[in-house]
PDB file of all heavy atoms in Angstrom:
ATOM      1  N   LYS A   1     -14.952  59.245 -28.835  1.00  0.00           N
ATOM      2  CA  LYS A   1     -16.368  59.565 -28.666  1.00  0.00           C
ATOM      3  C   LYS A   1     -17.040  58.651 -27.645  1.00  0.00           C
ATOM      4  O   LYS A   1     -17.964  59.061 -26.939  1.00  0.00           O
ATOM      5  CB  LYS A   1     -17.081  59.474 -30.022  1.00  0.00           C
ATOM      6  CG  LYS A   1     -18.505  59.986 -30.030  1.00  0.00           C
ATOM      7  CD  LYS A   1     -19.067  59.935 -31.432  1.00  0.00           C
ATOM      8  CE  LYS A   1     -20.497  60.471 -31.465  1.00  0.00           C
ATOM      9  NZ  LYS A   1     -21.050  60.405 -32.844  1.00  0.00           N
ATOM     10  N   ASP A   2     -16.592  57.398 -27.570  1.00  0.00           N
ATOM     11  CA  ASP A   2     -17.142  56.449 -26.602  1.00  0.00           C
ATOM     12  C   ASP A   2     -16.296  56.390 -25.324  1.00  0.00           C
ATOM     13  O   ASP A   2     -16.276  55.373 -24.634  1.00  0.00           O
ATOM     14  CB  ASP A   2     -17.260  55.060 -27.222  1.00  0.00           C
ATOM     15  CG  ASP A   2     -15.945  54.591 -27.831  1.00  0.00           C
ATOM     16  OD1 ASP A   2     -14.987  55.389 -27.861  1.00  0.00           O
ATOM     17  OD2 ASP A   2     -15.876  53.439 -28.279  1.00  0.00           O
ATOM     18  N   LEU A   3     -15.564  57.467 -25.044  1.00  0.00           N
ATOM     19  CA  LEU A   3     -14.837  57.660 -23.785  1.00  0.00           C
ATOM     20  C   LEU A   3     -13.702  56.658 -23.588  1.00  0.00           C
ATOM     21  O   LEU A   3     -13.380  56.279 -22.458  1.00  0.00           O
ATOM     22  CB  LEU A   3     -15.799  57.604 -22.593  1.00  0.00           C
ATOM     23  CG  LEU A   3     -16.968  58.595 -22.630  1.00  0.00           C
ATOM     24  CD1 LEU A   3     -17.839  58.429 -21.401  1.00  0.00           C
ATOM     25  CD2 LEU A   3     -16.458  60.024 -22.757  1.00  0.00           C
ATOM     26  N   GLN A   4     -13.082  56.231 -24.683  1.00  0.00           N
ATOM     27  CA  GLN A   4     -11.905  55.377 -24.600  1.00  0.00           C
ATOM     28  C   GLN A   4     -10.659  56.241 -24.758  1.00  0.00           C
ATOM     29  O   GLN A   4     -10.612  57.126 -25.619  1.00  0.00           O
ATOM     30  CB  GLN A   4     -11.936  54.299 -25.687  1.00  0.00           C
ATOM     31  CG  GLN A   4     -13.086  53.319 -25.564  1.00  0.00           C
ATOM     32  CD  GLN A   4     -12.980  52.461 -24.328  1.00  0.00           C
ATOM     33  OE1 GLN A   4     -11.888  52.217 -23.822  1.00  0.00           O
ATOM     34  NE2 GLN A   4     -14.105  51.981 -23.845  1.00  0.00           N
ATOM     35  N   MET A   5      -9.643  55.981 -23.923  1.00  0.00           N
ATOM     36  CA  MET A   5      -8.407  56.743 -23.997  1.00  0.00           C
ATOM     37  C   MET A   5      -7.536  56.202 -25.140  1.00  0.00           C
ATOM     38  O   MET A   5      -7.298  54.993 -25.223  1.00  0.00           O
ATOM     39  CB  MET A   5      -7.648  56.681 -22.681  1.00  0.00           C
ATOM     40  CG  MET A   5      -8.417  57.291 -21.513  1.00  0.00           C
ATOM     41  SD  MET A   5      -9.007  58.962 -21.851  1.00  0.00           S
ATOM     42  CE  MET A   5      -7.445  59.834 -22.067  1.00  0.00           C
ATOM     43  N   VAL A   6      -7.100  57.112 -25.992  1.00  0.00           N
ATOM     44  CA  VAL A   6      -6.350  56.750 -27.189  1.00  0.00           C
ATOM     45  C   VAL A   6      -4.980  57.431 -27.133  1.00  0.00           C
ATOM     46  O   VAL A   6      -4.891  58.640 -26.933  1.00  0.00           O
ATOM     47  CB  VAL A   6      -7.094  57.188 -28.463  1.00  0.00           C
ATOM     48  CG1 VAL A   6      -6.315  56.764 -29.708  1.00  0.00           C
ATOM     49  CG2 VAL A   6      -8.506  56.621 -28.477  1.00  0.00           C
ATOM     50  N   ASN A   7      -3.928  56.635 -27.308  1.00  0.00           N
ATOM     51  CA  ASN A   7      -2.570  57.172 -27.412  1.00  0.00           C
ATOM     52  C   ASN A   7      -2.211  57.254 -28.896  1.00  0.00           C
ATOM     53  O   ASN A   7      -2.150  56.230 -29.586  1.00  0.00           O
ATOM     54  CB  ASN A   7      -1.568  56.271 -26.685  1.00  0.00           C
ATOM     55  CG  ASN A   7      -1.874  56.163 -25.204  1.00  0.00           C
ATOM     56  OD1 ASN A   7      -2.184  57.163 -24.561  1.00  0.00           O
ATOM     57  ND2 ASN A   7      -1.795  54.956 -24.660  1.00  0.00           N
ATOM     58  N   ILE A   8      -1.993  58.461 -29.376  1.00  0.00           N
ATOM     59  CA  ILE A   8      -1.771  58.663 -30.803  1.00  0.00           C
ATOM     60  C   ILE A   8      -0.480  59.435 -31.011  1.00  0.00           C
ATOM     61  O   ILE A   8      -0.155  60.358 -30.261  1.00  0.00           O
ATOM     62  CB  ILE A   8      -2.967  59.413 -31.444  1.00  0.00           C
ATOM     63  CG1 ILE A   8      -2.775  59.557 -32.950  1.00  0.00           C
ATOM     64  CG2 ILE A   8      -3.197  60.759 -30.787  1.00  0.00           C
ATOM     65  CD1 ILE A   8      -3.998  60.078 -33.663  1.00  0.00           C
ATOM     66  N   GLY A   9       0.283  59.004 -32.012  1.00  0.00           N
ATOM     67  CA  GLY A   9       1.510  59.691 -32.401  1.00  0.00           C
ATOM     68  C   GLY A   9       1.353  60.282 -33.788  1.00  0.00           C
ATOM     69  O   GLY A   9       0.866  59.619 -34.711  1.00  0.00           O
ATOM     70  N   LEU A  10       1.756  61.522 -33.939  1.00  0.00           N
ATOM     71  CA  LEU A  10       1.576  62.240 -35.205  1.00  0.00           C
ATOM     72  C   LEU A  10       2.923  62.807 -35.659  1.00  0.00           C
ATOM     73  O   LEU A  10       3.642  63.422 -34.868  1.00  0.00           O
ATOM     74  CB  LEU A  10       0.562  63.368 -35.039  1.00  0.00           C
ATOM     75  CG  LEU A  10      -0.020  63.959 -36.324  1.00  0.00           C
ATOM     76  CD1 LEU A  10      -0.943  62.936 -36.982  1.00  0.00           C
ATOM     77  CD2 LEU A  10      -0.792  65.241 -36.029  1.00  0.00           C
ATOM     78  N   ARG A  11       3.248  62.576 -36.940  1.00  0.00           N
ATOM     79  CA  ARG A  11       4.448  63.169 -37.528  1.00  0.00           C
ATOM     80  C   ARG A  11       4.019  64.230 -38.533  1.00  0.00           C
ATOM     81  O   ARG A  11       3.263  63.954 -39.464  1.00  0.00           O
ATOM     82  CB  ARG A  11       5.294  62.118 -38.235  1.00  0.00           C
ATOM     83  CG  ARG A  11       6.660  62.637 -38.673  1.00  0.00           C
ATOM     84  CD  ARG A  11       7.287  61.755 -39.710  1.00  0.00           C
ATOM     85  NE  ARG A  11       6.516  61.747 -40.941  1.00  0.00           N
ATOM     86  CZ  ARG A  11       6.920  61.181 -42.073  1.00  0.00           C
ATOM     87  NH1 ARG A  11       8.070  60.559 -42.109  1.00  0.00           N
ATOM     88  NH2 ARG A  11       6.157  61.205 -43.153  1.00  0.00           N
ATOM     89  N   VAL A  12       4.525  65.429 -38.342  1.00  0.00           N
ATOM     90  CA  VAL A  12       4.158  66.566 -39.181  1.00  0.00           C
ATOM     91  C   VAL A  12       5.416  67.128 -39.825  1.00  0.00           C
ATOM     92  O   VAL A  12       6.399  67.429 -39.134  1.00  0.00           O
ATOM     93  CB  VAL A  12       3.448  67.659 -38.355  1.00  0.00           C
ATOM     94  CG1 VAL A  12       2.986  68.794 -39.256  1.00  0.00           C
ATOM     95  CG2 VAL A  12       2.259  67.076 -37.604  1.00  0.00           C
ATOM     96  N   LEU A  13       5.416  67.253 -41.152  1.00  0.00           N
ATOM     97  CA  LEU A  13       6.515  67.863 -41.888  1.00  0.00           C
ATOM     98  C   LEU A  13       6.158  69.319 -42.171  1.00  0.00           C
ATOM     99  O   LEU A  13       5.193  69.593 -42.887  1.00  0.00           O
ATOM    100  CB  LEU A  13       6.778  67.118 -43.200  1.00  0.00           C
ATOM    101  CG  LEU A  13       7.167  65.638 -43.065  1.00  0.00           C
ATOM    102  CD1 LEU A  13       7.390  65.025 -44.432  1.00  0.00           C
ATOM    103  CD2 LEU A  13       8.409  65.479 -42.200  1.00  0.00           C
ATOM    104  N   THR A  14       6.921  70.254 -41.617  1.00  0.00           N
ATOM    105  CA  THR A  14       6.594  71.674 -41.717  1.00  0.00           C
ATOM    106  C   THR A  14       7.787  72.473 -42.220  1.00  0.00           C
ATOM    107  O   THR A  14       8.939  72.024 -42.139  1.00  0.00           O
ATOM    108  CB  THR A  14       6.171  72.232 -40.350  1.00  0.00           C
ATOM    109  OG1 THR A  14       7.291  72.126 -39.433  1.00  0.00           O
ATOM    110  CG2 THR A  14       4.998  71.473 -39.773  1.00  0.00           C
ATOM    111  N   ARG A  15       7.482  73.653 -42.728  1.00  0.00           N
ATOM    112  CA  ARG A  15       8.511  74.621 -43.119  1.00  0.00           C
ATOM    113  C   ARG A  15       7.876  76.009 -43.120  1.00  0.00           C
ATOM    114  O   ARG A  15       6.671  76.149 -43.366  1.00  0.00           O
ATOM    115  CB  ARG A  15       9.093  74.299 -44.486  1.00  0.00           C
ATOM    116  CG  ARG A  15       8.061  74.212 -45.606  1.00  0.00           C
ATOM    117  CD  ARG A  15       8.716  73.765 -46.902  1.00  0.00           C
ATOM    118  NE  ARG A  15       7.737  73.504 -47.942  1.00  0.00           N
ATOM    119  CZ  ARG A  15       7.269  74.444 -48.770  1.00  0.00           C
ATOM    120  NH1 ARG A  15       7.675  75.699 -48.661  1.00  0.00           N
ATOM    121  NH2 ARG A  15       6.382  74.131 -49.706  1.00  0.00           N
ATOM    122  N   PRO A  16       8.663  77.053 -42.862  1.00  0.00           N
ATOM    123  CA  PRO A  16       8.097  78.405 -42.874  1.00  0.00           C
ATOM    124  C   PRO A  16       7.915  78.906 -44.300  1.00  0.00           C
ATOM    125  O   PRO A  16       8.620  78.483 -45.224  1.00  0.00           O
ATOM    126  CB  PRO A  16       9.147  79.225 -42.132  1.00  0.00           C
ATOM    127  CG  PRO A  16      10.433  78.513 -42.420  1.00  0.00           C
ATOM    128  CD  PRO A  16      10.086  77.046 -42.488  1.00  0.00           C
ATOM    129  N   LEU A  17       6.969  79.802 -44.484  1.00  0.00           N
ATOM    130  CA  LEU A  17       6.794  80.435 -45.788  1.00  0.00           C
ATOM    131  C   LEU A  17       7.877  81.501 -45.959  1.00  0.00           C
ATOM    132  O   LEU A  17       7.937  82.457 -45.185  1.00  0.00           O
ATOM    133  CB  LEU A  17       5.405  81.069 -45.875  1.00  0.00           C
ATOM    134  CG  LEU A  17       4.226  80.088 -45.819  1.00  0.00           C
ATOM    135  CD1 LEU A  17       2.903  80.835 -45.832  1.00  0.00           C
ATOM    136  CD2 LEU A  17       4.283  79.098 -46.970  1.00  0.00           C
ATOM    137  N   PRO A  18       8.757  81.367 -46.949  1.00  0.00           N
ATOM    138  CA  PRO A  18       9.886  82.299 -47.079  1.00  0.00           C
ATOM    139  C   PRO A  18       9.463  83.761 -47.211  1.00  0.00           C
ATOM    140  O   PRO A  18      10.122  84.651 -46.664  1.00  0.00           O
ATOM    141  CB  PRO A  18      10.597  81.806 -48.351  1.00  0.00           C
ATOM    142  CG  PRO A  18      10.234  80.367 -48.464  1.00  0.00           C
ATOM    143  CD  PRO A  18       8.828  80.280 -47.950  1.00  0.00           C
ATOM    144  N   ALA A  19       8.383  84.018 -47.917  1.00  0.00           N
ATOM    145  CA  ALA A  19       7.963  85.403 -48.117  1.00  0.00           C
ATOM    146  C   ALA A  19       7.464  86.049 -46.831  1.00  0.00           C
ATOM    147  O   ALA A  19       7.387  87.277 -46.743  1.00  0.00           O
ATOM    148  CB  ALA A  19       6.884  85.466 -49.196  1.00  0.00           C
ATOM    149  N   LYS A  20       7.106  85.223 -45.828  1.00  0.00           N
ATOM    150  CA  LYS A  20       6.554  85.749 -44.577  1.00  0.00           C
ATOM    151  C   LYS A  20       7.568  85.733 -43.431  1.00  0.00           C
ATOM    152  O   LYS A  20       7.179  85.888 -42.269  1.00  0.00           O
ATOM    153  CB  LYS A  20       5.331  84.917 -44.182  1.00  0.00           C
ATOM    154  CG  LYS A  20       4.198  84.962 -45.189  1.00  0.00           C
ATOM    155  CD  LYS A  20       3.571  86.337 -45.272  1.00  0.00           C
ATOM    156  CE  LYS A  20       2.382  86.359 -46.207  1.00  0.00           C
ATOM    157  NZ  LYS A  20       1.756  87.696 -46.279  1.00  0.00           N
ATOM    158  N   LEU A  21       8.848  85.575 -43.727  1.00  0.00           N
ATOM    159  CA  LEU A  21       9.853  85.506 -42.666  1.00  0.00           C
ATOM    160  C   LEU A  21       9.931  86.777 -41.816  1.00  0.00           C
ATOM    161  O   LEU A  21      10.096  86.675 -40.587  1.00  0.00           O
ATOM    162  CB  LEU A  21      11.221  85.179 -43.270  1.00  0.00           C
ATOM    163  CG  LEU A  21      11.399  83.736 -43.781  1.00  0.00           C
ATOM    164  CD1 LEU A  21      12.779  83.546 -44.378  1.00  0.00           C
ATOM    165  CD2 LEU A  21      11.160  82.736 -42.661  1.00  0.00           C
ATOM    166  N   PRO A  22       9.839  87.987 -42.388  1.00  0.00           N
ATOM    167  CA  PRO A  22       9.842  89.175 -41.511  1.00  0.00           C
ATOM    168  C   PRO A  22       8.701  89.177 -40.496  1.00  0.00           C
ATOM    169  O   PRO A  22       8.906  89.501 -39.320  1.00  0.00           O
ATOM    170  CB  PRO A  22       9.724  90.337 -42.506  1.00  0.00           C
ATOM    171  CG  PRO A  22      10.295  89.812 -43.775  1.00  0.00           C
ATOM    172  CD  PRO A  22       9.893  88.370 -43.814  1.00  0.00           C
ATOM    173  N   GLU A  23       7.511  88.767 -40.948  1.00  0.00           N
ATOM    174  CA  GLU A  23       6.368  88.722 -40.031  1.00  0.00           C
ATOM    175  C   GLU A  23       6.541  87.620 -38.994  1.00  0.00           C
ATOM    176  O   GLU A  23       6.183  87.789 -37.816  1.00  0.00           O
ATOM    177  CB  GLU A  23       5.086  88.512 -40.836  1.00  0.00           C
ATOM    178  CG  GLU A  23       3.824  88.534 -39.996  1.00  0.00           C
ATOM    179  CD  GLU A  23       2.585  88.377 -40.839  1.00  0.00           C
ATOM    180  OE1 GLU A  23       2.684  88.431 -42.082  1.00  0.00           O
ATOM    181  OE2 GLU A  23       1.496  88.179 -40.245  1.00  0.00           O
ATOM    182  N   ILE A  24       7.100  86.483 -39.415  1.00  0.00           N
ATOM    183  CA  ILE A  24       7.343  85.391 -38.464  1.00  0.00           C
ATOM    184  C   ILE A  24       8.318  85.840 -37.385  1.00  0.00           C
ATOM    185  O   ILE A  24       8.131  85.552 -36.195  1.00  0.00           O
ATOM    186  CB  ILE A  24       7.880  84.151 -39.211  1.00  0.00           C
ATOM    187  CG1 ILE A  24       6.798  83.554 -40.108  1.00  0.00           C
ATOM    188  CG2 ILE A  24       8.367  83.090 -38.226  1.00  0.00           C
ATOM    189  CD1 ILE A  24       7.271  82.385 -40.955  1.00  0.00           C
ATOM    190  N   TYR A  25       9.362  86.572 -37.772  1.00  0.00           N
ATOM    191  CA  TYR A  25      10.346  87.023 -36.778  1.00  0.00           C
ATOM    192  C   TYR A  25       9.720  88.038 -35.809  1.00  0.00           C
ATOM    193  O   TYR A  25      10.004  88.017 -34.611  1.00  0.00           O
ATOM    194  CB  TYR A  25      11.552  87.643 -37.480  1.00  0.00           C
ATOM    195  CG  TYR A  25      12.637  88.066 -36.527  1.00  0.00           C
ATOM    196  CD1 TYR A  25      13.502  87.126 -35.980  1.00  0.00           C
ATOM    197  CD2 TYR A  25      12.796  89.403 -36.163  1.00  0.00           C
ATOM    198  CE1 TYR A  25      14.492  87.499 -35.094  1.00  0.00           C
ATOM    199  CE2 TYR A  25      13.785  89.788 -35.271  1.00  0.00           C
ATOM    200  CZ  TYR A  25      14.627  88.831 -34.743  1.00  0.00           C
ATOM    201  OH  TYR A  25      15.602  89.200 -33.859  1.00  0.00           O
ATOM    202  N   ARG A  26       8.870  88.918 -36.325  1.00  0.00           N
ATOM    203  CA  ARG A  26       8.245  89.914 -35.452  1.00  0.00           C
ATOM    204  C   ARG A  26       7.297  89.275 -34.444  1.00  0.00           C
ATOM    205  O   ARG A  26       7.211  89.713 -33.294  1.00  0.00           O
ATOM    206  CB  ARG A  26       7.467  90.927 -36.297  1.00  0.00           C
ATOM    207  CG  ARG A  26       8.326  91.863 -37.130  1.00  0.00           C
ATOM    208  CD  ARG A  26       7.487  92.976 -37.713  1.00  0.00           C
ATOM    209  NE  ARG A  26       8.270  93.784 -38.656  1.00  0.00           N
ATOM    210  CZ  ARG A  26       8.201  93.650 -39.976  1.00  0.00           C
ATOM    211  NH1 ARG A  26       7.402  92.721 -40.506  1.00  0.00           N
ATOM    212  NH2 ARG A  26       8.933  94.415 -40.762  1.00  0.00           N
ATOM    213  N   THR A  27       6.569  88.250 -34.858  1.00  0.00           N
ATOM    214  CA  THR A  27       5.531  87.678 -33.994  1.00  0.00           C
ATOM    215  C   THR A  27       5.997  86.465 -33.194  1.00  0.00           C
ATOM    216  O   THR A  27       5.549  86.262 -32.056  1.00  0.00           O
ATOM    217  CB  THR A  27       4.316  87.269 -34.849  1.00  0.00           C
ATOM    218  OG1 THR A  27       4.746  86.354 -35.884  1.00  0.00           O
ATOM    219  CG2 THR A  27       3.682  88.492 -35.503  1.00  0.00           C
ATOM    220  N   LEU A  28       6.888  85.646 -33.788  1.00  0.00           N
ATOM    221  CA  LEU A  28       7.252  84.380 -33.143  1.00  0.00           C
ATOM    222  C   LEU A  28       8.739  84.235 -32.869  1.00  0.00           C
ATOM    223  O   LEU A  28       9.134  83.462 -31.993  1.00  0.00           O
ATOM    224  CB  LEU A  28       6.787  83.197 -34.012  1.00  0.00           C
ATOM    225  CG  LEU A  28       5.280  83.111 -34.281  1.00  0.00           C
ATOM    226  CD1 LEU A  28       4.990  81.999 -35.274  1.00  0.00           C
ATOM    227  CD2 LEU A  28       4.511  82.884 -32.989  1.00  0.00           C
ATOM    228  N   GLY A  29       9.586  84.912 -33.616  1.00  0.00           N
ATOM    229  CA  GLY A  29      11.021  84.760 -33.429  1.00  0.00           C
ATOM    230  C   GLY A  29      11.572  83.625 -34.264  1.00  0.00           C
ATOM    231  O   GLY A  29      10.926  83.102 -35.185  1.00  0.00           O
ATOM    232  N   THR A  30      12.761  83.202 -33.944  1.00  0.00           N
ATOM    233  CA  THR A  30      13.401  82.126 -34.705  1.00  0.00           C
ATOM    234  C   THR A  30      12.947  80.733 -34.271  1.00  0.00           C
ATOM    235  O   THR A  30      13.046  79.781 -35.033  1.00  0.00           O
ATOM    236  CB  THR A  30      14.926  82.225 -34.563  1.00  0.00           C
ATOM    237  OG1 THR A  30      15.271  82.202 -33.174  1.00  0.00           O
ATOM    238  CG2 THR A  30      15.440  83.517 -35.188  1.00  0.00           C
ATOM    239  N   ASP A  31      12.451  80.587 -33.049  1.00  0.00           N
ATOM    240  CA  ASP A  31      11.976  79.288 -32.559  1.00  0.00           C
ATOM    241  C   ASP A  31      10.459  79.182 -32.721  1.00  0.00           C
ATOM    242  O   ASP A  31       9.748  78.781 -31.801  1.00  0.00           O
ATOM    243  CB  ASP A  31      12.382  79.084 -31.102  1.00  0.00           C
ATOM    244  CG  ASP A  31      11.881  80.219 -30.207  1.00  0.00           C
ATOM    245  OD1 ASP A  31      11.498  81.280 -30.753  1.00  0.00           O
ATOM    246  OD2 ASP A  31      11.868  80.037 -28.984  1.00  0.00           O
ATOM    247  N   TYR A  32       9.988  79.529 -33.906  1.00  0.00           N
ATOM    248  CA  TYR A  32       8.546  79.544 -34.177  1.00  0.00           C
ATOM    249  C   TYR A  32       7.921  78.148 -34.046  1.00  0.00           C
ATOM    250  O   TYR A  32       6.791  78.010 -33.585  1.00  0.00           O
ATOM    251  CB  TYR A  32       8.301  80.096 -35.581  1.00  0.00           C
ATOM    252  CG  TYR A  32       8.901  79.244 -36.676  1.00  0.00           C
ATOM    253  CD1 TYR A  32       8.169  78.260 -37.312  1.00  0.00           C
ATOM    254  CD2 TYR A  32      10.235  79.400 -37.053  1.00  0.00           C
ATOM    255  CE1 TYR A  32       8.729  77.472 -38.290  1.00  0.00           C
ATOM    256  CE2 TYR A  32      10.795  78.623 -38.026  1.00  0.00           C
ATOM    257  CZ  TYR A  32      10.040  77.653 -38.656  1.00  0.00           C
ATOM    258  OH  TYR A  32      10.602  76.875 -39.614  1.00  0.00           O
ATOM    259  N   ALA A  33       8.660  77.101 -34.462  1.00  0.00           N
ATOM    260  CA  ALA A  33       8.104  75.745 -34.432  1.00  0.00           C
ATOM    261  C   ALA A  33       7.827  75.302 -32.993  1.00  0.00           C
ATOM    262  O   ALA A  33       6.765  74.719 -32.702  1.00  0.00           O
ATOM    263  CB  ALA A  33       9.052  74.766 -35.118  1.00  0.00           C
ATOM    264  N   GLU A  34       8.764  75.555 -32.093  1.00  0.00           N
ATOM    265  CA  GLU A  34       8.565  75.158 -30.697  1.00  0.00           C
ATOM    266  C   GLU A  34       7.472  75.977 -30.027  1.00  0.00           C
ATOM    267  O   GLU A  34       6.811  75.498 -29.086  1.00  0.00           O
ATOM    268  CB  GLU A  34       9.874  75.317 -29.918  1.00  0.00           C
ATOM    269  CG  GLU A  34      10.969  74.338 -30.301  1.00  0.00           C
ATOM    270  CD  GLU A  34      11.639  74.681 -31.613  1.00  0.00           C
ATOM    271  OE1 GLU A  34      11.358  75.780 -32.141  1.00  0.00           O
ATOM    272  OE2 GLU A  34      12.413  73.855 -32.127  1.00  0.00           O
ATOM    273  N   ARG A  35       7.231  77.188 -30.493  1.00  0.00           N
ATOM    274  CA  ARG A  35       6.209  78.030 -29.888  1.00  0.00           C
ATOM    275  C   ARG A  35       4.795  77.657 -30.344  1.00  0.00           C
ATOM    276  O   ARG A  35       3.841  77.776 -29.582  1.00  0.00           O
ATOM    277  CB  ARG A  35       6.459  79.504 -30.238  1.00  0.00           C
ATOM    278  CG  ARG A  35       7.676  80.119 -29.569  1.00  0.00           C
ATOM    279  CD  ARG A  35       7.915  81.517 -30.117  1.00  0.00           C
ATOM    280  NE  ARG A  35       9.038  82.175 -29.471  1.00  0.00           N
ATOM    281  CZ  ARG A  35       8.918  83.014 -28.448  1.00  0.00           C
ATOM    282  NH1 ARG A  35       7.725  83.286 -27.954  1.00  0.00           N
ATOM    283  NH2 ARG A  35       9.981  83.574 -27.913  1.00  0.00           N
TER     284      ARG A  35
END
């Protein structure tokens, strides 16, 4: 907010929702995380 440059690292633990795998494949494919 005060115009200082901040270098930040974030670790996120993710997983796909199993019930939504058909929709994930139709919209994003198998490399959904990278997309």
